[in-house]
Amino acid sequence: SELLHSLESLDHDGDLRLDAIATTLPRFLKVALTKAVPWT
């Protein structure tokens, strides 16, 4: 959370390819956070 919040503040020109992180992030976090997908 802290990393992504900071990256957004650093992305002044909107060219840090944060969309790629946005694409992978939901599955990545659900791997870590969901009881039914208990991988971390």
Full PDB file with SEQRES, HELIX, SHEET, SSBOND, CRYST1, ORIGX, SCALE, CONECT and MASTER records, all heavy atoms in Angstrom:
SEQRES   1 A   40  SER GLU LEU LEU HIS SER LEU GLU SER LEU ASP HIS ASP          
SEQRES   2 A   40  GLY ASP LEU ARG LEU ASP ALA ILE ALA THR THR LEU PRO          
SEQRES   3 A   40  ARG PHE LEU LYS VAL ALA LEU THR LYS ALA VAL PRO TRP          
SEQRES   4 A   40  THR                                                          
HELIX    1 AA1 GLU A    2  LEU A   10  1                                   9    
HELIX    2 AA2 LEU A   18  LEU A   33  1                                  16    
CRYST1    1.000    1.000    1.000  90.00  90.00  90.00 P 1           1          
ORIGX1      1.000000  0.000000  0.000000        0.00000                         
ORIGX2      0.000000  1.000000  0.000000        0.00000                         
ORIGX3      0.000000  0.000000  1.000000        0.00000                         
SCALE1      1.000000  0.000000  0.000000        0.00000                         
SCALE2      0.000000  1.000000  0.000000        0.00000                         
SCALE3      0.000000  0.000000  1.000000        0.00000                         
ATOM      1  N   SER A   1       0.824  -1.206   0.000  1.00  0.00           N  
ATOM      2  CA  SER A   1       0.000   0.000   0.000  1.00  0.00           C  
ATOM      3  C   SER A   1       0.858   1.256   0.000  1.00  0.00           C  
ATOM      4  O   SER A   1       0.629   2.195  -0.764  1.00  0.00           O  
ATOM      5  CB  SER A   1      -0.931   0.000   1.221  1.00  0.00           C  
ATOM      6  OG  SER A   1      -1.780  -1.114   1.231  1.00  0.00           O  
ATOM      7  N   GLU A   2       1.875   1.264   0.884  1.00  0.00           N  
ATOM      8  CA  GLU A   2       2.742   2.446   0.985  1.00  0.00           C  
ATOM      9  C   GLU A   2       3.535   2.650  -0.301  1.00  0.00           C  
ATOM     10  O   GLU A   2       3.701   3.767  -0.783  1.00  0.00           O  
ATOM     11  CB  GLU A   2       3.688   2.277   2.161  1.00  0.00           C  
ATOM     12  CG  GLU A   2       4.473   3.539   2.518  1.00  0.00           C  
ATOM     13  CD  GLU A   2       3.563   4.658   2.965  1.00  0.00           C  
ATOM     14  OE1 GLU A   2       2.712   4.419   3.841  1.00  0.00           O  
ATOM     15  OE2 GLU A   2       3.704   5.780   2.425  1.00  0.00           O  
ATOM     16  N   LEU A   3       4.016   1.550  -0.877  1.00  0.00           N  
ATOM     17  CA  LEU A   3       4.800   1.647  -2.111  1.00  0.00           C  
ATOM     18  C   LEU A   3       3.965   2.208  -3.254  1.00  0.00           C  
ATOM     19  O   LEU A   3       4.389   3.129  -3.963  1.00  0.00           O  
ATOM     20  CB  LEU A   3       5.346   0.266  -2.482  1.00  0.00           C  
ATOM     21  CG  LEU A   3       6.085   0.170  -3.820  1.00  0.00           C  
ATOM     22  CD1 LEU A   3       7.323   1.041  -3.811  1.00  0.00           C  
ATOM     23  CD2 LEU A   3       6.440  -1.280  -4.137  1.00  0.00           C  
ATOM     24  N   LEU A   4       2.762   1.671  -3.447  1.00  0.00           N  
ATOM     25  CA  LEU A   4       1.926   2.115  -4.558  1.00  0.00           C  
ATOM     26  C   LEU A   4       1.463   3.553  -4.377  1.00  0.00           C  
ATOM     27  O   LEU A   4       1.382   4.324  -5.334  1.00  0.00           O  
ATOM     28  CB  LEU A   4       0.732   1.180  -4.709  1.00  0.00           C  
ATOM     29  CG  LEU A   4       1.089  -0.236  -5.165  1.00  0.00           C  
ATOM     30  CD1 LEU A   4      -0.143  -1.123  -5.185  1.00  0.00           C  
ATOM     31  CD2 LEU A   4       1.744  -0.207  -6.535  1.00  0.00           C  
ATOM     32  N   HIS A   5       1.155   3.899  -3.144  1.00  0.00           N  
ATOM     33  CA  HIS A   5       0.769   5.284  -2.871  1.00  0.00           C  
ATOM     34  C   HIS A   5       1.901   6.237  -3.255  1.00  0.00           C  
ATOM     35  O   HIS A   5       1.680   7.289  -3.877  1.00  0.00           O  
ATOM     36  CB  HIS A   5       0.420   5.439  -1.392  1.00  0.00           C  
ATOM     37  CG  HIS A   5       0.039   6.825  -0.990  1.00  0.00           C  
ATOM     38  ND1 HIS A   5      -1.161   7.398  -1.332  1.00  0.00           N  
ATOM     39  CD2 HIS A   5       0.705   7.768  -0.288  1.00  0.00           C  
ATOM     40  CE1 HIS A   5      -1.223   8.626  -0.848  1.00  0.00           C  
ATOM     41  NE2 HIS A   5      -0.089   8.869  -0.211  1.00  0.00           N  
ATOM     42  N   SER A   6       3.137   5.881  -2.915  1.00  0.00           N  
ATOM     43  CA  SER A   6       4.289   6.724  -3.231  1.00  0.00           C  
ATOM     44  C   SER A   6       4.580   6.742  -4.730  1.00  0.00           C  
ATOM     45  O   SER A   6       4.948   7.784  -5.291  1.00  0.00           O  
ATOM     46  CB  SER A   6       5.524   6.237  -2.462  1.00  0.00           C  
ATOM     47  OG  SER A   6       5.322   6.324  -1.071  1.00  0.00           O  
ATOM     48  N   LEU A   7       4.438   5.590  -5.396  1.00  0.00           N  
ATOM     49  CA  LEU A   7       4.687   5.548  -6.834  1.00  0.00           C  
ATOM     50  C   LEU A   7       3.719   6.457  -7.586  1.00  0.00           C  
ATOM     51  O   LEU A   7       4.099   7.113  -8.565  1.00  0.00           O  
ATOM     52  CB  LEU A   7       4.570   4.115  -7.344  1.00  0.00           C  
ATOM     53  CG  LEU A   7       5.731   3.172  -7.002  1.00  0.00           C  
ATOM     54  CD1 LEU A   7       5.425   1.759  -7.477  1.00  0.00           C  
ATOM     55  CD2 LEU A   7       7.039   3.674  -7.616  1.00  0.00           C  
ATOM     56  N   GLU A   8       2.477   6.496  -7.135  1.00  0.00           N  
ATOM     57  CA  GLU A   8       1.514   7.392  -7.787  1.00  0.00           C  
ATOM     58  C   GLU A   8       1.946   8.850  -7.663  1.00  0.00           C  
ATOM     59  O   GLU A   8       1.834   9.635  -8.608  1.00  0.00           O  
ATOM     60  CB  GLU A   8       0.128   7.218  -7.164  1.00  0.00           C  
ATOM     61  CG  GLU A   8      -0.575   5.961  -7.611  1.00  0.00           C  
ATOM     62  CD  GLU A   8      -1.987   5.895  -7.065  1.00  0.00           C  
ATOM     63  OE1 GLU A   8      -2.218   6.275  -5.913  1.00  0.00           O  
ATOM     64  OE2 GLU A   8      -2.864   5.449  -7.832  1.00  0.00           O  
ATOM     65  N   SER A   9       2.460   9.211  -6.484  1.00  0.00           N  
ATOM     66  CA  SER A   9       2.892  10.593  -6.295  1.00  0.00           C  
ATOM     67  C   SER A   9       4.135  10.925  -7.110  1.00  0.00           C  
ATOM     68  O   SER A   9       4.404  12.098  -7.399  1.00  0.00           O  
ATOM     69  CB  SER A   9       3.163  10.850  -4.807  1.00  0.00           C  
ATOM     70  OG  SER A   9       4.278  10.101  -4.354  1.00  0.00           O  
ATOM     71  N   LEU A  10       4.905   9.884  -7.485  1.00  0.00           N  
ATOM     72  CA  LEU A  10       6.110  10.098  -8.292  1.00  0.00           C  
ATOM     73  C   LEU A  10       5.830  10.055  -9.792  1.00  0.00           C  
ATOM     74  O   LEU A  10       6.683  10.430 -10.597  1.00  0.00           O  
ATOM     75  CB  LEU A  10       7.152   9.029  -7.949  1.00  0.00           C  
ATOM     76  CG  LEU A  10       7.725   9.052  -6.519  1.00  0.00           C  
ATOM     77  CD1 LEU A  10       8.556   7.799  -6.260  1.00  0.00           C  
ATOM     78  CD2 LEU A  10       8.562  10.307  -6.290  1.00  0.00           C  
ATOM     79  N   ASP A  11       4.643   9.600 -10.168  1.00  0.00           N  
ATOM     80  CA  ASP A  11       4.308   9.420 -11.592  1.00  0.00           C  
ATOM     81  C   ASP A  11       3.739  10.714 -12.160  1.00  0.00           C  
ATOM     82  O   ASP A  11       2.573  10.799 -12.545  1.00  0.00           O  
ATOM     83  CB  ASP A  11       3.302   8.276 -11.733  1.00  0.00           C  
ATOM     84  CG  ASP A  11       3.127   7.836 -13.183  1.00  0.00           C  
ATOM     85  OD1 ASP A  11       4.006   8.186 -14.011  1.00  0.00           O  
ATOM     86  OD2 ASP A  11       2.130   7.158 -13.469  1.00  0.00           O  
ATOM     87  N   HIS A  12       4.574  11.741 -12.227  1.00  0.00           N  
ATOM     88  CA  HIS A  12       4.107  13.064 -12.646  1.00  0.00           C  
ATOM     89  C   HIS A  12       3.635  13.076 -14.097  1.00  0.00           C  
ATOM     90  O   HIS A  12       2.680  13.784 -14.448  1.00  0.00           O  
ATOM     91  CB  HIS A  12       5.233  14.098 -12.457  1.00  0.00           C  
ATOM     92  CG  HIS A  12       5.780  14.142 -11.069  1.00  0.00           C  
ATOM     93  ND1 HIS A  12       5.024  14.514  -9.975  1.00  0.00           N  
ATOM     94  CD2 HIS A  12       7.021  13.851 -10.587  1.00  0.00           C  
ATOM     95  CE1 HIS A  12       5.766  14.463  -8.877  1.00  0.00           C  
ATOM     96  NE2 HIS A  12       6.984  14.058  -9.229  1.00  0.00           N  
ATOM     97  N   ASP A  13       4.300  12.307 -14.964  1.00  0.00           N  
ATOM     98  CA  ASP A  13       3.956  12.313 -16.387  1.00  0.00           C  
ATOM     99  C   ASP A  13       3.071  11.134 -16.778  1.00  0.00           C  
ATOM    100  O   ASP A  13       2.750  10.975 -17.967  1.00  0.00           O  
ATOM    101  CB  ASP A  13       5.242  12.292 -17.233  1.00  0.00           C  
ATOM    102  CG  ASP A  13       6.138  13.482 -16.925  1.00  0.00           C  
ATOM    103  OD1 ASP A  13       5.589  14.583 -16.699  1.00  0.00           O  
ATOM    104  OD2 ASP A  13       7.367  13.296 -16.895  1.00  0.00           O  
ATOM    105  N   GLY A  14       2.723  10.296 -15.832  1.00  0.00           N  
ATOM    106  CA  GLY A  14       1.870   9.151 -16.135  1.00  0.00           C  
ATOM    107  C   GLY A  14       2.525   8.117 -17.013  1.00  0.00           C  
ATOM    108  O   GLY A  14       1.826   7.416 -17.762  1.00  0.00           O  
ATOM    109  N   ASP A  15       3.845   7.977 -16.949  1.00  0.00           N  
ATOM    110  CA  ASP A  15       4.536   7.042 -17.840  1.00  0.00           C  
ATOM    111  C   ASP A  15       5.362   5.997 -17.089  1.00  0.00           C  
ATOM    112  O   ASP A  15       6.315   5.444 -17.633  1.00  0.00           O  
ATOM    113  CB  ASP A  15       5.440   7.810 -18.807  1.00  0.00           C  
ATOM    114  CG  ASP A  15       6.482   8.663 -18.097  1.00  0.00           C  
ATOM    115  OD1 ASP A  15       6.445   8.706 -16.837  1.00  0.00           O  
ATOM    116  OD2 ASP A  15       7.326   9.264 -18.782  1.00  0.00           O  
ATOM    117  N   LEU A  16       5.012   5.709 -15.843  1.00  0.00           N  
ATOM    118  CA  LEU A  16       5.756   4.717 -15.066  1.00  0.00           C  
ATOM    119  C   LEU A  16       5.239   3.296 -15.247  1.00  0.00           C  
ATOM    120  O   LEU A  16       5.648   2.390 -14.539  1.00  0.00           O  
ATOM    121  CB  LEU A  16       5.728   5.075 -13.567  1.00  0.00           C  
ATOM    122  CG  LEU A  16       6.529   6.303 -13.144  1.00  0.00           C  
ATOM    123  CD1 LEU A  16       6.497   6.457 -11.629  1.00  0.00           C  
ATOM    124  CD2 LEU A  16       7.960   6.236 -13.638  1.00  0.00           C  
ATOM    125  N   ARG A  17       4.319   3.123 -16.194  1.00  0.00           N  
ATOM    126  CA  ARG A  17       3.763   1.794 -16.473  1.00  0.00           C  
ATOM    127  C   ARG A  17       3.061   1.192 -15.251  1.00  0.00           C  
ATOM    128  O   ARG A  17       3.138  -0.010 -14.994  1.00  0.00           O  
ATOM    129  CB  ARG A  17       4.864   0.834 -16.948  1.00  0.00           C  
ATOM    130  CG  ARG A  17       5.603   1.325 -18.188  1.00  0.00           C  
ATOM    131  CD  ARG A  17       6.755   0.412 -18.555  1.00  0.00           C  
ATOM    132  NE  ARG A  17       7.515   0.927 -19.683  1.00  0.00           N  
ATOM    133  CZ  ARG A  17       8.673   0.428 -20.099  1.00  0.00           C  
ATOM    134  NH1 ARG A  17       9.184  -0.626 -19.487  1.00  0.00           N  
ATOM    135  NH2 ARG A  17       9.309   0.947 -21.112  1.00  0.00           N  
ATOM    136  N   LEU A  18       2.423   2.064 -14.498  1.00  0.00           N  
ATOM    137  CA  LEU A  18       1.688   1.577 -13.339  1.00  0.00           C  
ATOM    138  C   LEU A  18       0.493   0.721 -13.737  1.00  0.00           C  
ATOM    139  O   LEU A  18      -0.019  -0.046 -12.914  1.00  0.00           O  
ATOM    140  CB  LEU A  18       1.231   2.753 -12.469  1.00  0.00           C  
ATOM    141  CG  LEU A  18       2.344   3.613 -11.848  1.00  0.00           C  
ATOM    142  CD1 LEU A  18       1.737   4.700 -10.979  1.00  0.00           C  
ATOM    143  CD2 LEU A  18       3.317   2.773 -11.052  1.00  0.00           C  
ATOM    144  N   ASP A  19       0.070   0.868 -14.993  1.00  0.00           N  
ATOM    145  CA  ASP A  19      -1.049   0.044 -15.446  1.00  0.00           C  
ATOM    146  C   ASP A  19      -0.680  -1.439 -15.428  1.00  0.00           C  
ATOM    147  O   ASP A  19      -1.528  -2.308 -15.195  1.00  0.00           O  
ATOM    148  CB  ASP A  19      -1.482   0.467 -16.850  1.00  0.00           C  
ATOM    149  CG  ASP A  19      -0.337   0.433 -17.846  1.00  0.00           C  
ATOM    150  OD1 ASP A  19       0.829   0.580 -17.411  1.00  0.00           O  
ATOM    151  OD2 ASP A  19      -0.599   0.273 -19.041  1.00  0.00           O  
ATOM    152  N   ALA A  20       0.614  -1.754 -15.668  1.00  0.00           N  
ATOM    153  CA  ALA A  20       1.053  -3.153 -15.628  1.00  0.00           C  
ATOM    154  C   ALA A  20       0.934  -3.706 -14.209  1.00  0.00           C  
ATOM    155  O   ALA A  20       0.529  -4.855 -14.000  1.00  0.00           O  
ATOM    156  CB  ALA A  20       2.489  -3.275 -16.128  1.00  0.00           C  
ATOM    157  N   ILE A  21       1.294  -2.868 -13.234  1.00  0.00           N  
ATOM    158  CA  ILE A  21       1.129  -3.289 -11.840  1.00  0.00           C  
ATOM    159  C   ILE A  21      -0.351  -3.453 -11.528  1.00  0.00           C  
ATOM    160  O   ILE A  21      -0.768  -4.398 -10.853  1.00  0.00           O  
ATOM    161  CB  ILE A  21       1.787  -2.280 -10.882  1.00  0.00           C  
ATOM    162  CG1 ILE A  21       3.303  -2.260 -11.091  1.00  0.00           C  
ATOM    163  CG2 ILE A  21       1.469  -2.624  -9.435  1.00  0.00           C  
ATOM    164  CD1 ILE A  21       4.047  -1.303 -10.179  1.00  0.00           C  
ATOM    165  N   ALA A  22      -1.154  -2.519 -12.027  1.00  0.00           N  
ATOM    166  CA  ALA A  22      -2.598  -2.582 -11.777  1.00  0.00           C  
ATOM    167  C   ALA A  22      -3.195  -3.877 -12.313  1.00  0.00           C  
ATOM    168  O   ALA A  22      -4.124  -4.433 -11.729  1.00  0.00           O  
ATOM    169  CB  ALA A  22      -3.284  -1.382 -12.417  1.00  0.00           C  
ATOM    170  N   THR A  23      -2.634  -4.363 -13.420  1.00  0.00           N  
ATOM    171  CA  THR A  23      -3.147  -5.597 -14.015  1.00  0.00           C  
ATOM    172  C   THR A  23      -2.815  -6.816 -13.163  1.00  0.00           C  
ATOM    173  O   THR A  23      -3.642  -7.722 -13.002  1.00  0.00           O  
ATOM    174  CB  THR A  23      -2.565  -5.774 -15.435  1.00  0.00           C  
ATOM    175  OG1 THR A  23      -2.931  -4.647 -16.234  1.00  0.00           O  
ATOM    176  CG2 THR A  23      -3.084  -7.052 -16.082  1.00  0.00           C  
ATOM    177  N   THR A  24      -1.613  -6.845 -12.628  1.00  0.00           N  
ATOM    178  CA  THR A  24      -1.175  -8.018 -11.857  1.00  0.00           C  
ATOM    179  C   THR A  24      -1.549  -7.942 -10.380  1.00  0.00           C  
ATOM    180  O   THR A  24      -1.620  -8.969  -9.706  1.00  0.00           O  
ATOM    181  CB  THR A  24       0.359  -8.175 -11.945  1.00  0.00           C  
ATOM    182  OG1 THR A  24       0.984  -7.006 -11.378  1.00  0.00           O  
ATOM    183  CG2 THR A  24       0.801  -8.330 -13.383  1.00  0.00           C  
ATOM    184  N   LEU A  25      -1.826  -6.733  -9.901  1.00  0.00           N  
ATOM    185  CA  LEU A  25      -2.005  -6.540  -8.471  1.00  0.00           C  
ATOM    186  C   LEU A  25      -3.200  -7.285  -7.869  1.00  0.00           C  
ATOM    187  O   LEU A  25      -3.063  -7.887  -6.789  1.00  0.00           O  
ATOM    188  CB  LEU A  25      -2.106  -5.038  -8.164  1.00  0.00           C  
ATOM    189  CG  LEU A  25      -2.120  -4.652  -6.685  1.00  0.00           C  
ATOM    190  CD1 LEU A  25      -0.866  -5.154  -5.989  1.00  0.00           C  
ATOM    191  CD2 LEU A  25      -2.242  -3.140  -6.541  1.00  0.00           C  
ATOM    192  N   PRO A  26      -4.384  -7.285  -8.495  1.00  0.00           N  
ATOM    193  CA  PRO A  26      -5.520  -7.965  -7.837  1.00  0.00           C  
ATOM    194  C   PRO A  26      -5.249  -9.430  -7.515  1.00  0.00           C  
ATOM    195  O   PRO A  26      -5.490  -9.873  -6.395  1.00  0.00           O  
ATOM    196  CB  PRO A  26      -6.644  -7.813  -8.863  1.00  0.00           C  
ATOM    197  CG  PRO A  26      -6.303  -6.573  -9.619  1.00  0.00           C  
ATOM    198  CD  PRO A  26      -4.814  -6.593  -9.734  1.00  0.00           C  
ATOM    199  N   ARG A  27      -4.720 -10.187  -8.487  1.00  0.00           N  
ATOM    200  CA  ARG A  27      -4.443 -11.607  -8.216  1.00  0.00           C  
ATOM    201  C   ARG A  27      -3.322 -11.738  -7.183  1.00  0.00           C  
ATOM    202  O   ARG A  27      -3.365 -12.610  -6.307  1.00  0.00           O  
ATOM    203  CB  ARG A  27      -4.038 -12.326  -9.498  1.00  0.00           C  
ATOM    204  CG  ARG A  27      -5.182 -12.523 -10.488  1.00  0.00           C  
ATOM    205  CD  ARG A  27      -4.800 -13.537 -11.548  1.00  0.00           C  
ATOM    206  NE  ARG A  27      -4.924 -14.905 -11.068  1.00  0.00           N  
ATOM    207  CZ  ARG A  27      -4.286 -15.939 -11.576  1.00  0.00           C  
ATOM    208  NH1 ARG A  27      -3.419 -15.763 -12.547  1.00  0.00           N  
ATOM    209  NH2 ARG A  27      -4.473 -17.153 -11.111  1.00  0.00           N  
ATOM    210  N   PHE A  28      -2.315 -10.871  -7.281  1.00  0.00           N  
ATOM    211  CA  PHE A  28      -1.196 -10.942  -6.344  1.00  0.00           C  
ATOM    212  C   PHE A  28      -1.673 -10.732  -4.904  1.00  0.00           C  
ATOM    213  O   PHE A  28      -1.324 -11.495  -3.995  1.00  0.00           O  
ATOM    214  CB  PHE A  28      -0.143  -9.891  -6.708  1.00  0.00           C  
ATOM    215  CG  PHE A  28       0.982  -9.779  -5.713  1.00  0.00           C  
ATOM    216  CD1 PHE A  28       1.909 -10.802  -5.569  1.00  0.00           C  
ATOM    217  CD2 PHE A  28       1.111  -8.653  -4.912  1.00  0.00           C  
ATOM    218  CE1 PHE A  28       2.942 -10.698  -4.649  1.00  0.00           C  
ATOM    219  CE2 PHE A  28       2.130  -8.542  -3.996  1.00  0.00           C  
ATOM    220  CZ  PHE A  28       3.058  -9.568  -3.860  1.00  0.00           C  
ATOM    221  N   LEU A  29      -2.500  -9.704  -4.690  1.00  0.00           N  
ATOM    222  CA  LEU A  29      -2.963  -9.434  -3.334  1.00  0.00           C  
ATOM    223  C   LEU A  29      -3.935 -10.500  -2.846  1.00  0.00           C  
ATOM    224  O   LEU A  29      -3.934 -10.857  -1.662  1.00  0.00           O  
ATOM    225  CB  LEU A  29      -3.610  -8.050  -3.260  1.00  0.00           C  
ATOM    226  CG  LEU A  29      -2.643  -6.865  -3.325  1.00  0.00           C  
ATOM    227  CD1 LEU A  29      -3.403  -5.556  -3.263  1.00  0.00           C  
ATOM    228  CD2 LEU A  29      -1.620  -6.932  -2.200  1.00  0.00           C  
ATOM    229  N   LYS A  30      -4.752 -11.007  -3.747  1.00  0.00           N  
ATOM    230  CA  LYS A  30      -5.685 -12.050  -3.325  1.00  0.00           C  
ATOM    231  C   LYS A  30      -4.952 -13.342  -2.987  1.00  0.00           C  
ATOM    232  O   LYS A  30      -5.384 -14.108  -2.129  1.00  0.00           O  
ATOM    233  CB  LYS A  30      -6.741 -12.282  -4.394  1.00  0.00           C  
ATOM    234  CG  LYS A  30      -7.771 -11.155  -4.439  1.00  0.00           C  
ATOM    235  CD  LYS A  30      -8.871 -11.424  -5.434  1.00  0.00           C  
ATOM    236  CE  LYS A  30      -9.887 -10.277  -5.410  1.00  0.00           C  
ATOM    237  NZ  LYS A  30     -10.989 -10.503  -6.363  1.00  0.00           N  
ATOM    238  N   VAL A  31      -3.809 -13.569  -3.626  1.00  0.00           N  
ATOM    239  CA  VAL A  31      -2.961 -14.693  -3.241  1.00  0.00           C  
ATOM    240  C   VAL A  31      -2.543 -14.532  -1.778  1.00  0.00           C  
ATOM    241  O   VAL A  31      -2.495 -15.497  -1.011  1.00  0.00           O  
ATOM    242  CB  VAL A  31      -1.706 -14.761  -4.148  1.00  0.00           C  
ATOM    243  CG1 VAL A  31      -0.619 -15.616  -3.507  1.00  0.00           C  
ATOM    244  CG2 VAL A  31      -2.080 -15.330  -5.500  1.00  0.00           C  
ATOM    245  N   ALA A  32      -2.273 -13.291  -1.385  1.00  0.00           N  
ATOM    246  CA  ALA A  32      -1.770 -13.040  -0.040  1.00  0.00           C  
ATOM    247  C   ALA A  32      -2.870 -12.859   0.991  1.00  0.00           C  
ATOM    248  O   ALA A  32      -2.679 -13.160   2.164  1.00  0.00           O  
ATOM    249  CB  ALA A  32      -0.887 -11.794  -0.053  1.00  0.00           C  
ATOM    250  N   LEU A  33      -4.049 -12.350   0.562  1.00  0.00           N  
ATOM    251  CA  LEU A  33      -5.028 -11.899   1.543  1.00  0.00           C  
ATOM    252  C   LEU A  33      -6.276 -12.757   1.689  1.00  0.00           C  
ATOM    253  O   LEU A  33      -6.981 -12.644   2.684  1.00  0.00           O  
ATOM    254  CB  LEU A  33      -5.482 -10.470   1.199  1.00  0.00           C  
ATOM    255  CG  LEU A  33      -4.395  -9.399   1.246  1.00  0.00           C  
ATOM    256  CD1 LEU A  33      -4.944  -8.071   0.783  1.00  0.00           C  
ATOM    257  CD2 LEU A  33      -3.837  -9.285   2.646  1.00  0.00           C  
ATOM    258  N   THR A  34      -6.587 -13.591   0.715  1.00  0.00           N  
ATOM    259  CA  THR A  34      -7.856 -14.314   0.744  1.00  0.00           C  
ATOM    260  C   THR A  34      -7.707 -15.665   1.407  1.00  0.00           C  
ATOM    261  O   THR A  34      -6.813 -16.437   1.072  1.00  0.00           O  
ATOM    262  CB  THR A  34      -8.392 -14.496  -0.687  1.00  0.00           C  
ATOM    263  OG1 THR A  34      -8.441 -13.222  -1.314  1.00  0.00           O  
ATOM    264  CG2 THR A  34      -9.794 -15.085  -0.666  1.00  0.00           C  
ATOM    265  N   LYS A  35      -8.583 -15.975   2.329  1.00  0.00           N  
ATOM    266  CA  LYS A  35      -8.520 -17.260   3.026  1.00  0.00           C  
ATOM    267  C   LYS A  35      -8.630 -18.432   2.059  1.00  0.00           C  
ATOM    268  O   LYS A  35      -8.002 -19.465   2.238  1.00  0.00           O  
ATOM    269  CB  LYS A  35      -9.654 -17.355   4.052  1.00  0.00           C  
ATOM    270  CG  LYS A  35      -9.411 -16.540   5.296  1.00  0.00           C  
ATOM    271  CD  LYS A  35     -10.378 -16.914   6.400  1.00  0.00           C  
ATOM    272  CE  LYS A  35     -11.797 -16.572   6.016  1.00  0.00           C  
ATOM    273  NZ  LYS A  35     -12.725 -16.866   7.136  1.00  0.00           N  
ATOM    274  N   ALA A  36      -9.465 -18.250   1.018  1.00  0.00           N  
ATOM    275  CA  ALA A  36      -9.673 -19.362   0.085  1.00  0.00           C  
ATOM    276  C   ALA A  36      -8.494 -19.543  -0.849  1.00  0.00           C  
ATOM    277  O   ALA A  36      -8.375 -20.559  -1.510  1.00  0.00           O  
ATOM    278  CB  ALA A  36     -10.937 -19.129  -0.732  1.00  0.00           C  
ATOM    279  N   VAL A  37      -7.627 -18.524  -0.942  1.00  0.00           N  
ATOM    280  CA  VAL A  37      -6.427 -18.621  -1.779  1.00  0.00           C  
ATOM    281  C   VAL A  37      -5.235 -18.284  -0.878  1.00  0.00           C  
ATOM    282  O   VAL A  37      -4.687 -17.203  -0.965  1.00  0.00           O  
ATOM    283  CB  VAL A  37      -6.512 -17.649  -2.978  1.00  0.00           C  
ATOM    284  CG1 VAL A  37      -5.409 -17.922  -3.983  1.00  0.00           C  
ATOM    285  CG2 VAL A  37      -7.877 -17.726  -3.630  1.00  0.00           C  
ATOM    286  N   PRO A  38      -4.854 -19.199   0.015  1.00  0.00           N  
ATOM    287  CA  PRO A  38      -4.003 -18.847   1.155  1.00  0.00           C  
ATOM    288  C   PRO A  38      -2.506 -18.918   0.877  1.00  0.00           C  
ATOM    289  O   PRO A  38      -1.782 -19.608   1.582  1.00  0.00           O  
ATOM    290  CB  PRO A  38      -4.410 -19.890   2.194  1.00  0.00           C  
ATOM    291  CG  PRO A  38      -4.701 -21.117   1.365  1.00  0.00           C  
ATOM    292  CD  PRO A  38      -5.267 -20.602   0.061  1.00  0.00           C  
ATOM    293  N   TRP A  39      -2.030 -18.217  -0.168  1.00  0.00           N  
ATOM    294  CA  TRP A  39      -0.616 -18.354  -0.477  1.00  0.00           C  
ATOM    295  C   TRP A  39       0.141 -17.071  -0.165  1.00  0.00           C  
ATOM    296  O   TRP A  39      -0.154 -16.034  -0.701  1.00  0.00           O  
ATOM    297  CB  TRP A  39      -0.408 -18.682  -1.962  1.00  0.00           C  
ATOM    298  CG  TRP A  39      -1.150 -19.896  -2.403  1.00  0.00           C  
ATOM    299  CD1 TRP A  39      -2.296 -19.929  -3.130  1.00  0.00           C  
ATOM    300  CD2 TRP A  39      -0.812 -21.249  -2.150  1.00  0.00           C  
ATOM    301  NE1 TRP A  39      -2.695 -21.205  -3.359  1.00  0.00           N  
ATOM    302  CE2 TRP A  39      -1.796 -22.052  -2.761  1.00  0.00           C  
ATOM    303  CE3 TRP A  39       0.231 -21.881  -1.462  1.00  0.00           C  
ATOM    304  CZ2 TRP A  39      -1.768 -23.433  -2.710  1.00  0.00           C  
ATOM    305  CZ3 TRP A  39       0.254 -23.254  -1.414  1.00  0.00           C  
ATOM    306  CH2 TRP A  39      -0.744 -24.009  -2.036  1.00  0.00           C  
ATOM    307  N   THR A  40       1.121 -17.125   0.719  1.00  0.00           N  
ATOM    308  CA  THR A  40       2.090 -16.049   0.904  1.00  0.00           C  
ATOM    309  C   THR A  40       3.306 -16.630   1.606  1.00  0.00           C  
ATOM    310  O   THR A  40       3.201 -17.646   2.278  1.00  0.00           O  
ATOM    311  CB  THR A  40       1.516 -14.873   1.719  1.00  0.00           C  
ATOM    312  OG1 THR A  40       2.445 -13.801   1.714  1.00  0.00           O  
ATOM    313  CG2 THR A  40       1.245 -15.272   3.165  1.00  0.00           C  
TER     314      THR A  40                                                      
MASTER        0    0    0    2    0    0    0    6  313    1    0    4          
END                                                                             
